[in-house]
Every structure is written in C-alpha cells, then in structure tokens.
Amino acid sequence: MIETPLFHISLLSEEEADHTTLNPKVAEEVLRRHNNEPSSAPSLSGEWRSQKDFFQSQTPACMLLRDKIVETSTAAIRELAPPGETRGQRVNFEGWINVNPPGSFNAPHNHYSDSISKLSGIYYVAAPENCGALELLAPQSYWPRNPGGRYTLEPKAGKYIIFPSYIYHWVQPNASAEMRISVAWNMRF
C-alpha cells in the first residue's frame, strides 16, 4: 500500500507596522472594559472575554484597529478563498477581546460552528514573553496514525494570524507575570 499525505492548509500572518503607537491606546480602552464589565463566557482558567461586539466599538483606538483588521482580513480572503467564492458577497465580521492574566489559558476549540465562519483571526495587542503560545491542531490529529499534527506560534504584539475557522486551536497557559491581550474575530461570507 502507498500512503499519501492529503491536503494543505494555509495560515497567514502579518505584522502591523504601527503597532507600537496603536497597541498602548487599544490596551487602555480594552482594560477599561475589562475592569468594568463581566466576562461574556464562564471560565475555569481565569480569562476574560468581551461580548462579540468589537466591530461595533466607537472608541477611537479600537475603531482604528477594527479598520486595520478589516483591511488585513480582506487581503487574506483574496489570498485564501477559492476563486469566485466571495464575488458579490458581503463579508460579515464578528469580534471580541480576550484578556488572559497570568496562569490563564484558552481550551481547545474551533470557530466553525460560530454561524458557519469561514476564516478566523487573532491580533495581539499585548504579548509579553512566555504569555502562552497559540497551538493549532491538524484536522486529522484525532486519527491514531497522525497524532503529532500541531503547529505552535509564539504571540507577538502587533501580529495578525488568520486561519480556517474549522481548525481546532488553543492557547497555552500564560506563564508571564503580565496580561496577554488579543482581539479575535470570525469572517463569514
């Protein structure tokens, strides 16, 4: 018998050129919400998550980041979507903020069932060293012959990562003494 590996999955990443100016302003607005709103999802690990309302934010820095996310994501869609897949269709964005204090993590999950998202993304606002890597799990990793299907990315402030929504992923525990702050989003078209 001949074993043939199947399927290639693309992941896109890019660094925001203006992140050293933008991120402190976004972090200030995010922490104001973090300190005044309960988490939208119960957590056993201690992370805080906003409502899925990031793209409706009216605060100046978050509005600027929102526009940059839309621009970067639109380019990603052109790169990743099959030809003609989005022609004439509106892209809908749904985003939220994650704040992970020391020791917290995000358990394995995917975003495909979130209203049938096609692509998902993350942008790192604050990512101190050892704050918990993003680990993407290969779709076939549940099969016994393919147990090692993992791809790990260290977070970096100002970095965008965009990947297919059906990919299971998780965030390793934050081993730093500071908070990791990210904005996550789904795209439907």
N, C-alpha and C. Protein backbone atom coordinates (compact mmCIF):
# COMPACT_ATOMS: atom_id res chain seq x y z
N MET A 1 0.82 -1.18 0.00
CA MET A 1 0.00 0.00 0.00
C MET A 1 0.87 1.25 0.00
N ILE A 2 0.37 2.30 -0.62
CA ILE A 2 1.09 3.56 -0.67
C ILE A 2 0.33 4.58 0.18
N GLU A 3 1.02 5.17 1.12
CA GLU A 3 0.42 6.21 1.95
C GLU A 3 0.68 7.57 1.31
N THR A 4 -0.36 8.35 1.14
CA THR A 4 -0.25 9.67 0.51
C THR A 4 -0.79 10.73 1.45
N PRO A 5 0.05 11.68 1.85
CA PRO A 5 -0.46 12.78 2.67
C PRO A 5 -1.48 13.59 1.88
N LEU A 6 -2.56 13.99 2.55
CA LEU A 6 -3.62 14.75 1.90
C LEU A 6 -3.71 16.17 2.44
N PHE A 7 -4.03 17.06 1.58
CA PHE A 7 -4.46 18.41 1.90
C PHE A 7 -3.38 19.29 2.52
N HIS A 8 -3.38 20.49 2.05
CA HIS A 8 -2.51 21.54 2.54
C HIS A 8 -3.41 22.63 3.12
N ILE A 9 -3.08 23.13 4.28
CA ILE A 9 -3.87 24.18 4.93
C ILE A 9 -2.98 25.40 5.09
N SER A 10 -3.48 26.54 4.65
CA SER A 10 -2.69 27.77 4.74
C SER A 10 -3.07 28.58 5.97
N LEU A 11 -2.08 29.24 6.49
CA LEU A 11 -2.23 30.17 7.60
C LEU A 11 -1.51 31.44 7.16
N LEU A 12 -2.09 32.58 7.39
CA LEU A 12 -1.44 33.84 7.03
C LEU A 12 -1.10 34.62 8.29
N SER A 13 0.04 35.27 8.27
CA SER A 13 0.39 36.15 9.39
C SER A 13 1.04 37.40 8.83
N GLU A 14 0.89 38.47 9.57
CA GLU A 14 1.42 39.75 9.13
C GLU A 14 1.62 40.60 10.38
N GLU A 15 2.57 41.51 10.32
CA GLU A 15 2.79 42.40 11.46
C GLU A 15 2.27 43.79 11.14
N GLU A 16 1.58 44.38 12.09
CA GLU A 16 1.05 45.73 11.94
C GLU A 16 2.21 46.72 12.10
N ALA A 17 2.44 47.52 11.07
CA ALA A 17 3.58 48.44 11.06
C ALA A 17 3.49 49.48 12.19
N ASP A 18 2.29 49.90 12.55
CA ASP A 18 2.09 50.97 13.53
C ASP A 18 1.76 50.45 14.93
N HIS A 19 2.07 49.19 15.22
CA HIS A 19 1.60 48.62 16.48
C HIS A 19 2.19 49.26 17.73
N THR A 20 3.39 49.81 17.66
CA THR A 20 3.98 50.40 18.88
C THR A 20 3.24 51.67 19.30
N THR A 21 2.59 52.34 18.36
CA THR A 21 1.77 53.51 18.68
C THR A 21 0.33 53.10 18.99
N LEU A 22 -0.20 52.19 18.17
CA LEU A 22 -1.60 51.79 18.27
C LEU A 22 -1.90 50.94 19.51
N ASN A 23 -1.08 49.92 19.78
CA ASN A 23 -1.40 48.94 20.82
C ASN A 23 -1.58 49.53 22.23
N PRO A 24 -0.73 50.47 22.69
CA PRO A 24 -0.98 51.02 24.04
C PRO A 24 -2.33 51.72 24.15
N LYS A 25 -2.78 52.37 23.08
CA LYS A 25 -4.07 53.04 23.10
C LYS A 25 -5.21 52.02 23.12
N VAL A 26 -5.07 50.95 22.33
CA VAL A 26 -6.08 49.89 22.34
C VAL A 26 -6.10 49.22 23.71
N ALA A 27 -4.92 48.92 24.27
CA ALA A 27 -4.85 48.26 25.58
C ALA A 27 -5.55 49.09 26.65
N GLU A 28 -5.38 50.39 26.60
CA GLU A 28 -6.04 51.27 27.58
C GLU A 28 -7.56 51.15 27.47
N GLU A 29 -8.08 51.16 26.25
CA GLU A 29 -9.52 51.04 26.04
C GLU A 29 -10.02 49.65 26.44
N VAL A 30 -9.23 48.61 26.13
CA VAL A 30 -9.60 47.24 26.48
C VAL A 30 -9.64 47.07 28.00
N LEU A 31 -8.62 47.56 28.68
CA LEU A 31 -8.57 47.38 30.14
C LEU A 31 -9.68 48.15 30.85
N ARG A 32 -10.12 49.25 30.27
CA ARG A 32 -11.27 49.96 30.83
C ARG A 32 -12.50 49.04 30.80
N ARG A 33 -12.70 48.34 29.67
CA ARG A 33 -13.83 47.40 29.58
C ARG A 33 -13.62 46.23 30.54
N HIS A 34 -12.42 45.69 30.54
CA HIS A 34 -12.09 44.54 31.40
C HIS A 34 -12.40 44.84 32.86
N ASN A 35 -12.11 46.05 33.28
CA ASN A 35 -12.32 46.43 34.68
C ASN A 35 -13.77 46.76 35.02
N ASN A 36 -14.61 47.00 34.00
CA ASN A 36 -15.98 47.44 34.24
C ASN A 36 -17.07 46.49 33.76
N GLU A 37 -16.71 45.44 33.05
CA GLU A 37 -17.71 44.52 32.51
C GLU A 37 -17.39 43.09 32.94
N PRO A 38 -18.41 42.28 33.20
CA PRO A 38 -18.14 40.87 33.48
C PRO A 38 -17.73 40.15 32.19
N SER A 39 -17.06 39.04 32.34
CA SER A 39 -16.70 38.23 31.17
C SER A 39 -17.96 37.69 30.52
N SER A 40 -17.96 37.62 29.20
CA SER A 40 -19.14 37.13 28.48
C SER A 40 -19.25 35.61 28.51
N ALA A 41 -18.17 34.94 28.91
CA ALA A 41 -18.18 33.47 28.94
C ALA A 41 -17.58 33.00 30.25
N PRO A 42 -18.22 32.02 30.89
CA PRO A 42 -17.64 31.48 32.13
C PRO A 42 -16.28 30.85 31.83
N SER A 43 -15.36 30.99 32.75
CA SER A 43 -14.02 30.48 32.53
C SER A 43 -13.51 29.75 33.76
N LEU A 44 -12.96 28.57 33.53
CA LEU A 44 -12.31 27.84 34.61
C LEU A 44 -10.85 28.25 34.74
N SER A 45 -10.31 28.86 33.69
CA SER A 45 -8.88 29.18 33.70
C SER A 45 -8.59 30.64 34.03
N GLY A 46 -9.62 31.48 34.13
CA GLY A 46 -9.40 32.86 34.53
C GLY A 46 -9.35 33.89 33.43
N GLU A 47 -9.55 33.50 32.17
CA GLU A 47 -9.51 34.52 31.12
C GLU A 47 -10.79 35.33 31.11
N TRP A 48 -10.70 36.55 30.60
CA TRP A 48 -11.86 37.43 30.45
C TRP A 48 -12.11 37.60 28.97
N ARG A 49 -13.39 37.56 28.59
CA ARG A 49 -13.77 37.73 27.19
C ARG A 49 -14.91 38.73 27.10
N SER A 50 -14.78 39.67 26.17
CA SER A 50 -15.84 40.66 25.96
C SER A 50 -16.99 40.01 25.20
N GLN A 51 -18.08 40.74 25.10
CA GLN A 51 -19.16 40.34 24.19
C GLN A 51 -18.58 40.35 22.78
N LYS A 52 -19.29 39.74 21.83
CA LYS A 52 -18.81 39.71 20.44
C LYS A 52 -19.21 41.01 19.74
N ASP A 53 -18.70 42.12 20.30
CA ASP A 53 -19.09 43.44 19.82
C ASP A 53 -17.91 44.33 19.42
N PHE A 54 -16.74 43.74 19.23
CA PHE A 54 -15.56 44.56 18.94
C PHE A 54 -15.75 45.42 17.69
N PHE A 55 -16.38 44.89 16.66
CA PHE A 55 -16.53 45.64 15.41
C PHE A 55 -17.60 46.73 15.50
N GLN A 56 -18.30 46.81 16.62
CA GLN A 56 -19.24 47.90 16.85
C GLN A 56 -18.65 48.96 17.78
N SER A 57 -17.43 48.77 18.24
CA SER A 57 -16.79 49.71 19.17
C SER A 57 -16.73 51.11 18.58
N GLN A 58 -16.96 52.10 19.42
CA GLN A 58 -16.89 53.50 19.00
C GLN A 58 -15.72 54.24 19.66
N THR A 59 -14.82 53.51 20.33
CA THR A 59 -13.67 54.16 20.94
C THR A 59 -12.60 54.33 19.85
N PRO A 60 -11.89 55.46 19.84
CA PRO A 60 -11.00 55.79 18.73
C PRO A 60 -9.96 54.73 18.37
N ALA A 61 -9.21 54.23 19.33
CA ALA A 61 -8.15 53.27 19.02
C ALA A 61 -8.73 51.94 18.52
N CYS A 62 -9.82 51.50 19.15
CA CYS A 62 -10.45 50.24 18.70
C CYS A 62 -11.04 50.40 17.31
N MET A 63 -11.57 51.57 16.98
CA MET A 63 -12.08 51.81 15.63
C MET A 63 -10.94 51.75 14.60
N LEU A 64 -9.80 52.31 14.95
CA LEU A 64 -8.65 52.27 14.05
C LEU A 64 -8.17 50.83 13.86
N LEU A 65 -8.06 50.07 14.97
CA LEU A 65 -7.65 48.67 14.86
C LEU A 65 -8.68 47.88 14.06
N ARG A 66 -9.96 48.14 14.30
CA ARG A 66 -11.02 47.46 13.53
C ARG A 66 -10.80 47.67 12.03
N ASP A 67 -10.55 48.90 11.62
CA ASP A 67 -10.34 49.18 10.20
C ASP A 67 -9.12 48.44 9.66
N LYS A 68 -8.06 48.35 10.46
CA LYS A 68 -6.86 47.64 10.04
C LYS A 68 -7.12 46.13 9.95
N ILE A 69 -7.91 45.59 10.89
CA ILE A 69 -8.27 44.17 10.84
C ILE A 69 -9.09 43.87 9.58
N VAL A 70 -10.04 44.73 9.26
CA VAL A 70 -10.87 44.53 8.07
C VAL A 70 -9.98 44.56 6.82
N GLU A 71 -9.06 45.51 6.75
CA GLU A 71 -8.16 45.62 5.60
C GLU A 71 -7.28 44.37 5.46
N THR A 72 -6.67 43.94 6.57
CA THR A 72 -5.80 42.76 6.55
C THR A 72 -6.60 41.50 6.23
N SER A 73 -7.80 41.39 6.80
CA SER A 73 -8.64 40.21 6.58
C SER A 73 -9.15 40.15 5.14
N THR A 74 -9.47 41.29 4.57
CA THR A 74 -9.92 41.33 3.18
C THR A 74 -8.81 40.83 2.26
N ALA A 75 -7.58 41.23 2.53
CA ALA A 75 -6.45 40.72 1.75
C ALA A 75 -6.29 39.22 1.95
N ALA A 76 -6.50 38.75 3.18
CA ALA A 76 -6.39 37.31 3.46
C ALA A 76 -7.46 36.52 2.72
N ILE A 77 -8.66 37.06 2.66
CA ILE A 77 -9.75 36.38 1.94
C ILE A 77 -9.37 36.24 0.47
N ARG A 78 -8.84 37.31 -0.13
CA ARG A 78 -8.41 37.23 -1.53
C ARG A 78 -7.35 36.15 -1.71
N GLU A 79 -6.49 35.99 -0.70
CA GLU A 79 -5.41 35.01 -0.78
C GLU A 79 -5.88 33.58 -0.55
N LEU A 80 -6.79 33.39 0.42
CA LEU A 80 -7.15 32.04 0.86
C LEU A 80 -8.44 31.48 0.25
N ALA A 81 -9.40 32.32 -0.06
CA ALA A 81 -10.69 31.83 -0.54
C ALA A 81 -10.56 31.33 -1.98
N PRO A 82 -11.30 30.29 -2.32
CA PRO A 82 -11.29 29.81 -3.71
C PRO A 82 -11.76 30.91 -4.66
N PRO A 83 -11.27 30.92 -5.90
CA PRO A 83 -11.67 31.95 -6.86
C PRO A 83 -13.20 32.02 -6.98
N GLY A 84 -13.72 33.24 -6.92
CA GLY A 84 -15.16 33.44 -7.06
C GLY A 84 -15.97 33.18 -5.80
N GLU A 85 -15.36 32.66 -4.75
CA GLU A 85 -16.08 32.30 -3.52
C GLU A 85 -16.78 33.50 -2.90
N THR A 86 -16.15 34.66 -2.95
CA THR A 86 -16.72 35.83 -2.28
C THR A 86 -17.27 36.86 -3.26
N ARG A 87 -17.22 36.59 -4.55
CA ARG A 87 -17.67 37.58 -5.53
C ARG A 87 -19.13 37.97 -5.26
N GLY A 88 -19.34 39.26 -5.06
CA GLY A 88 -20.69 39.76 -4.84
C GLY A 88 -21.24 39.51 -3.45
N GLN A 89 -20.46 38.89 -2.59
CA GLN A 89 -20.95 38.60 -1.24
C GLN A 89 -20.36 39.60 -0.24
N ARG A 90 -21.14 39.91 0.75
CA ARG A 90 -20.68 40.78 1.82
C ARG A 90 -19.95 39.92 2.86
N VAL A 91 -18.84 40.43 3.36
CA VAL A 91 -18.11 39.74 4.42
C VAL A 91 -18.61 40.29 5.76
N ASN A 92 -19.04 39.41 6.62
CA ASN A 92 -19.51 39.79 7.97
C ASN A 92 -18.42 39.46 8.98
N PHE A 93 -18.14 40.42 9.84
CA PHE A 93 -17.12 40.25 10.87
C PHE A 93 -17.79 40.21 12.24
N GLU A 94 -17.28 39.34 13.09
CA GLU A 94 -17.73 39.24 14.48
C GLU A 94 -16.46 39.15 15.32
N GLY A 95 -16.27 40.07 16.25
CA GLY A 95 -15.02 40.09 17.00
C GLY A 95 -15.21 40.29 18.49
N TRP A 96 -14.23 39.89 19.25
CA TRP A 96 -14.26 40.02 20.71
C TRP A 96 -12.84 40.18 21.23
N ILE A 97 -12.75 40.59 22.48
CA ILE A 97 -11.47 40.83 23.14
C ILE A 97 -11.22 39.71 24.15
N ASN A 98 -9.99 39.24 24.20
CA ASN A 98 -9.57 38.26 25.20
C ASN A 98 -8.49 38.90 26.08
N VAL A 99 -8.66 38.78 27.39
CA VAL A 99 -7.63 39.21 28.33
C VAL A 99 -7.27 37.98 29.16
N ASN A 100 -6.01 37.57 29.07
CA ASN A 100 -5.55 36.39 29.79
C ASN A 100 -4.52 36.79 30.84
N PRO A 101 -4.92 36.82 32.12
CA PRO A 101 -3.95 37.12 33.18
C PRO A 101 -3.00 35.93 33.39
N PRO A 102 -1.97 36.12 34.20
CA PRO A 102 -1.04 35.02 34.46
C PRO A 102 -1.78 33.74 34.88
N GLY A 103 -1.35 32.61 34.32
CA GLY A 103 -1.93 31.31 34.65
C GLY A 103 -3.12 30.92 33.81
N SER A 104 -3.75 31.85 33.12
CA SER A 104 -4.95 31.51 32.35
C SER A 104 -4.59 30.98 30.97
N PHE A 105 -5.56 30.31 30.35
CA PHE A 105 -5.37 29.73 29.02
C PHE A 105 -6.73 29.65 28.35
N ASN A 106 -6.74 29.27 27.08
CA ASN A 106 -7.99 29.02 26.35
C ASN A 106 -7.96 27.57 25.91
N ALA A 107 -8.97 26.81 26.30
CA ALA A 107 -9.05 25.38 25.99
C ALA A 107 -9.23 25.15 24.48
N PRO A 108 -8.89 23.93 24.00
CA PRO A 108 -9.05 23.63 22.57
C PRO A 108 -10.48 23.85 22.09
N HIS A 109 -10.58 24.52 20.93
CA HIS A 109 -11.87 24.84 20.34
C HIS A 109 -11.67 25.20 18.88
N ASN A 110 -12.74 25.30 18.14
CA ASN A 110 -12.68 25.88 16.80
C ASN A 110 -13.81 26.88 16.69
N HIS A 111 -13.87 27.57 15.56
CA HIS A 111 -14.87 28.62 15.38
C HIS A 111 -15.83 28.30 14.24
N TYR A 112 -15.74 27.11 13.70
CA TYR A 112 -16.55 26.78 12.53
C TYR A 112 -18.04 26.84 12.84
N SER A 113 -18.44 26.41 14.01
CA SER A 113 -19.86 26.39 14.33
C SER A 113 -20.40 27.77 14.69
N ASP A 114 -19.52 28.77 14.85
CA ASP A 114 -19.97 30.14 15.15
C ASP A 114 -20.58 30.75 13.89
N SER A 115 -21.84 30.39 13.63
CA SER A 115 -22.56 30.89 12.45
C SER A 115 -21.85 30.52 11.15
N ILE A 116 -21.23 29.37 11.13
CA ILE A 116 -20.52 28.84 9.96
C ILE A 116 -19.46 29.85 9.45
N SER A 117 -18.55 30.17 10.31
CA SER A 117 -17.44 31.05 9.94
C SER A 117 -16.53 30.34 8.96
N LYS A 118 -15.95 31.09 8.05
CA LYS A 118 -15.01 30.53 7.07
C LYS A 118 -13.56 30.72 7.51
N LEU A 119 -13.25 31.94 7.99
CA LEU A 119 -11.90 32.25 8.44
C LEU A 119 -11.99 32.90 9.81
N SER A 120 -10.95 32.69 10.61
CA SER A 120 -10.85 33.30 11.93
C SER A 120 -9.50 33.98 12.05
N GLY A 121 -9.43 34.95 12.95
CA GLY A 121 -8.18 35.66 13.11
C GLY A 121 -7.94 36.08 14.54
N ILE A 122 -6.70 36.44 14.79
CA ILE A 122 -6.30 36.96 16.09
C ILE A 122 -5.28 38.06 15.87
N TYR A 123 -5.36 39.09 16.69
CA TYR A 123 -4.39 40.17 16.68
C TYR A 123 -3.91 40.34 18.12
N TYR A 124 -2.61 40.40 18.30
CA TYR A 124 -2.05 40.53 19.64
C TYR A 124 -1.81 41.99 19.99
N VAL A 125 -2.51 42.47 21.00
CA VAL A 125 -2.37 43.83 21.50
C VAL A 125 -1.22 43.89 22.49
N ALA A 126 -1.18 42.94 23.43
CA ALA A 126 -0.10 42.83 24.41
C ALA A 126 0.29 41.36 24.51
N ALA A 127 1.57 41.09 24.31
CA ALA A 127 2.04 39.70 24.31
C ALA A 127 3.42 39.62 24.96
N PRO A 128 3.46 39.66 26.29
CA PRO A 128 4.77 39.56 26.95
C PRO A 128 5.38 38.18 26.72
N GLU A 129 6.67 38.08 26.91
CA GLU A 129 7.36 36.80 26.73
C GLU A 129 6.75 35.74 27.64
N ASN A 130 6.59 34.53 27.13
CA ASN A 130 6.03 33.37 27.86
C ASN A 130 4.57 33.57 28.25
N CYS A 131 3.81 34.31 27.44
CA CYS A 131 2.41 34.57 27.79
C CYS A 131 1.45 33.51 27.23
N GLY A 132 1.97 32.45 26.64
CA GLY A 132 1.13 31.37 26.14
C GLY A 132 1.05 31.34 24.63
N ALA A 133 1.61 30.30 24.05
CA ALA A 133 1.63 30.17 22.59
C ALA A 133 0.27 29.74 22.06
N LEU A 134 0.00 30.10 20.83
CA LEU A 134 -1.17 29.63 20.09
C LEU A 134 -0.78 28.30 19.45
N GLU A 135 -1.54 27.27 19.72
CA GLU A 135 -1.25 25.96 19.13
C GLU A 135 -2.43 25.54 18.27
N LEU A 136 -2.16 25.35 16.98
CA LEU A 136 -3.17 24.90 16.02
C LEU A 136 -3.02 23.39 15.85
N LEU A 137 -4.14 22.70 15.87
CA LEU A 137 -4.14 21.23 15.80
C LEU A 137 -4.61 20.79 14.42
N ALA A 138 -3.85 19.89 13.81
CA ALA A 138 -4.20 19.40 12.47
C ALA A 138 -5.56 18.72 12.50
N PRO A 139 -6.36 18.91 11.44
CA PRO A 139 -7.70 18.30 11.41
C PRO A 139 -7.67 16.79 11.60
N GLN A 140 -6.61 16.15 11.15
CA GLN A 140 -6.54 14.69 11.24
C GLN A 140 -5.88 14.22 12.53
N SER A 141 -5.59 15.11 13.47
CA SER A 141 -4.82 14.71 14.65
C SER A 141 -5.56 13.74 15.55
N TYR A 142 -6.87 13.57 15.38
CA TYR A 142 -7.59 12.60 16.19
C TYR A 142 -7.41 11.17 15.67
N TRP A 143 -6.84 11.02 14.48
CA TRP A 143 -6.58 9.68 13.96
C TRP A 143 -5.30 9.13 14.59
N PRO A 144 -5.30 7.86 15.01
CA PRO A 144 -4.13 7.30 15.70
C PRO A 144 -2.83 7.38 14.89
N ARG A 145 -2.91 7.30 13.55
CA ARG A 145 -1.68 7.33 12.74
C ARG A 145 -1.13 8.74 12.54
N ASN A 146 -1.86 9.76 12.95
CA ASN A 146 -1.43 11.14 12.77
C ASN A 146 -1.49 11.92 14.08
N PRO A 147 -0.84 11.43 15.13
CA PRO A 147 -1.00 12.06 16.43
C PRO A 147 -0.27 13.39 16.60
N GLY A 148 0.74 13.68 15.78
CA GLY A 148 1.58 14.84 16.04
C GLY A 148 1.25 16.07 15.23
N GLY A 149 0.04 16.21 14.78
CA GLY A 149 -0.30 17.33 13.92
C GLY A 149 -0.53 18.61 14.69
N ARG A 150 0.54 19.30 15.05
CA ARG A 150 0.43 20.55 15.81
C ARG A 150 1.35 21.60 15.21
N TYR A 151 0.91 22.84 15.26
CA TYR A 151 1.74 23.95 14.80
C TYR A 151 1.64 25.02 15.87
N THR A 152 2.77 25.43 16.41
CA THR A 152 2.80 26.37 17.53
C THR A 152 3.36 27.70 17.09
N LEU A 153 2.67 28.77 17.48
CA LEU A 153 3.09 30.14 17.17
C LEU A 153 3.22 30.93 18.46
N GLU A 154 4.36 31.54 18.64
CA GLU A 154 4.55 32.41 19.80
C GLU A 154 3.85 33.73 19.53
N PRO A 155 3.06 34.24 20.46
CA PRO A 155 2.40 35.52 20.25
C PRO A 155 3.42 36.66 20.22
N LYS A 156 3.09 37.67 19.45
CA LYS A 156 3.95 38.84 19.35
C LYS A 156 3.05 40.06 19.18
N ALA A 157 3.26 41.06 20.00
CA ALA A 157 2.44 42.28 19.89
C ALA A 157 2.51 42.82 18.48
N GLY A 158 1.33 43.12 17.92
CA GLY A 158 1.25 43.66 16.58
C GLY A 158 1.09 42.63 15.49
N LYS A 159 0.99 41.36 15.84
CA LYS A 159 0.91 40.29 14.84
C LYS A 159 -0.53 39.88 14.60
N TYR A 160 -0.88 39.75 13.31
CA TYR A 160 -2.16 39.20 12.88
C TYR A 160 -1.92 37.75 12.48
N ILE A 161 -2.85 36.86 12.82
CA ILE A 161 -2.81 35.48 12.35
C ILE A 161 -4.22 35.15 11.86
N ILE A 162 -4.32 34.62 10.65
CA ILE A 162 -5.61 34.29 10.04
C ILE A 162 -5.54 32.85 9.54
N PHE A 163 -6.58 32.07 9.89
CA PHE A 163 -6.59 30.65 9.56
C PHE A 163 -8.02 30.17 9.35
N PRO A 164 -8.20 29.00 8.71
CA PRO A 164 -9.56 28.48 8.51
C PRO A 164 -10.24 28.22 9.86
N SER A 165 -11.51 28.60 9.94
CA SER A 165 -12.26 28.52 11.20
C SER A 165 -12.42 27.11 11.74
N TYR A 166 -12.35 26.10 10.89
CA TYR A 166 -12.56 24.72 11.35
C TYR A 166 -11.34 24.15 12.07
N ILE A 167 -10.21 24.84 12.06
CA ILE A 167 -9.00 24.34 12.72
C ILE A 167 -9.16 24.46 14.24
N TYR A 168 -9.02 23.34 14.92
CA TYR A 168 -9.01 23.38 16.38
C TYR A 168 -7.71 24.04 16.83
N HIS A 169 -7.82 24.85 17.88
CA HIS A 169 -6.66 25.55 18.41
C HIS A 169 -6.88 25.82 19.89
N TRP A 170 -5.80 26.14 20.56
CA TRP A 170 -5.90 26.51 21.96
C TRP A 170 -4.74 27.44 22.28
N VAL A 171 -4.83 28.10 23.44
CA VAL A 171 -3.77 28.98 23.88
C VAL A 171 -3.20 28.40 25.17
N GLN A 172 -1.90 28.16 25.13
CA GLN A 172 -1.22 27.58 26.29
C GLN A 172 -1.26 28.56 27.47
N PRO A 173 -1.06 28.05 28.69
CA PRO A 173 -1.14 28.92 29.88
C PRO A 173 -0.16 30.09 29.82
N ASN A 174 -0.62 31.21 30.32
CA ASN A 174 0.20 32.41 30.40
C ASN A 174 1.16 32.25 31.57
N ALA A 175 2.44 32.03 31.25
CA ALA A 175 3.46 31.82 32.28
C ALA A 175 4.19 33.12 32.62
N SER A 176 3.74 34.24 32.08
CA SER A 176 4.37 35.52 32.39
C SER A 176 3.70 36.13 33.62
N ALA A 177 4.21 37.26 34.06
CA ALA A 177 3.61 37.97 35.20
C ALA A 177 2.67 39.08 34.72
N GLU A 178 2.43 39.15 33.39
CA GLU A 178 1.61 40.21 32.82
C GLU A 178 0.43 39.62 32.04
N MET A 179 -0.51 40.48 31.68
CA MET A 179 -1.67 40.05 30.90
C MET A 179 -1.34 39.95 29.42
N ARG A 180 -1.91 38.94 28.79
CA ARG A 180 -1.90 38.85 27.33
C ARG A 180 -3.24 39.40 26.86
N ILE A 181 -3.21 40.32 25.90
CA ILE A 181 -4.44 40.92 25.38
C ILE A 181 -4.49 40.67 23.88
N SER A 182 -5.61 40.13 23.42
CA SER A 182 -5.77 39.88 21.98
C SER A 182 -7.19 40.22 21.55
N VAL A 183 -7.32 40.45 20.27
CA VAL A 183 -8.64 40.60 19.64
C VAL A 183 -8.78 39.43 18.70
N ALA A 184 -9.90 38.73 18.80
CA ALA A 184 -10.17 37.59 17.93
C ALA A 184 -11.42 37.89 17.09
N TRP A 185 -11.50 37.29 15.92
CA TRP A 185 -12.65 37.53 15.06
C TRP A 185 -12.91 36.38 14.12
N ASN A 186 -14.15 36.34 13.65
CA ASN A 186 -14.59 35.38 12.63
C ASN A 186 -15.06 36.15 11.41
N MET A 187 -14.91 35.53 10.25
CA MET A 187 -15.39 36.12 8.99
C MET A 187 -16.32 35.13 8.33
N ARG A 188 -17.49 35.63 7.94
CA ARG A 188 -18.47 34.82 7.21
C ARG A 188 -18.74 35.50 5.87
N PHE A 189 -18.84 34.71 4.83
CA PHE A 189 -19.17 35.24 3.51
C PHE A 189 -19.84 34.18 2.68
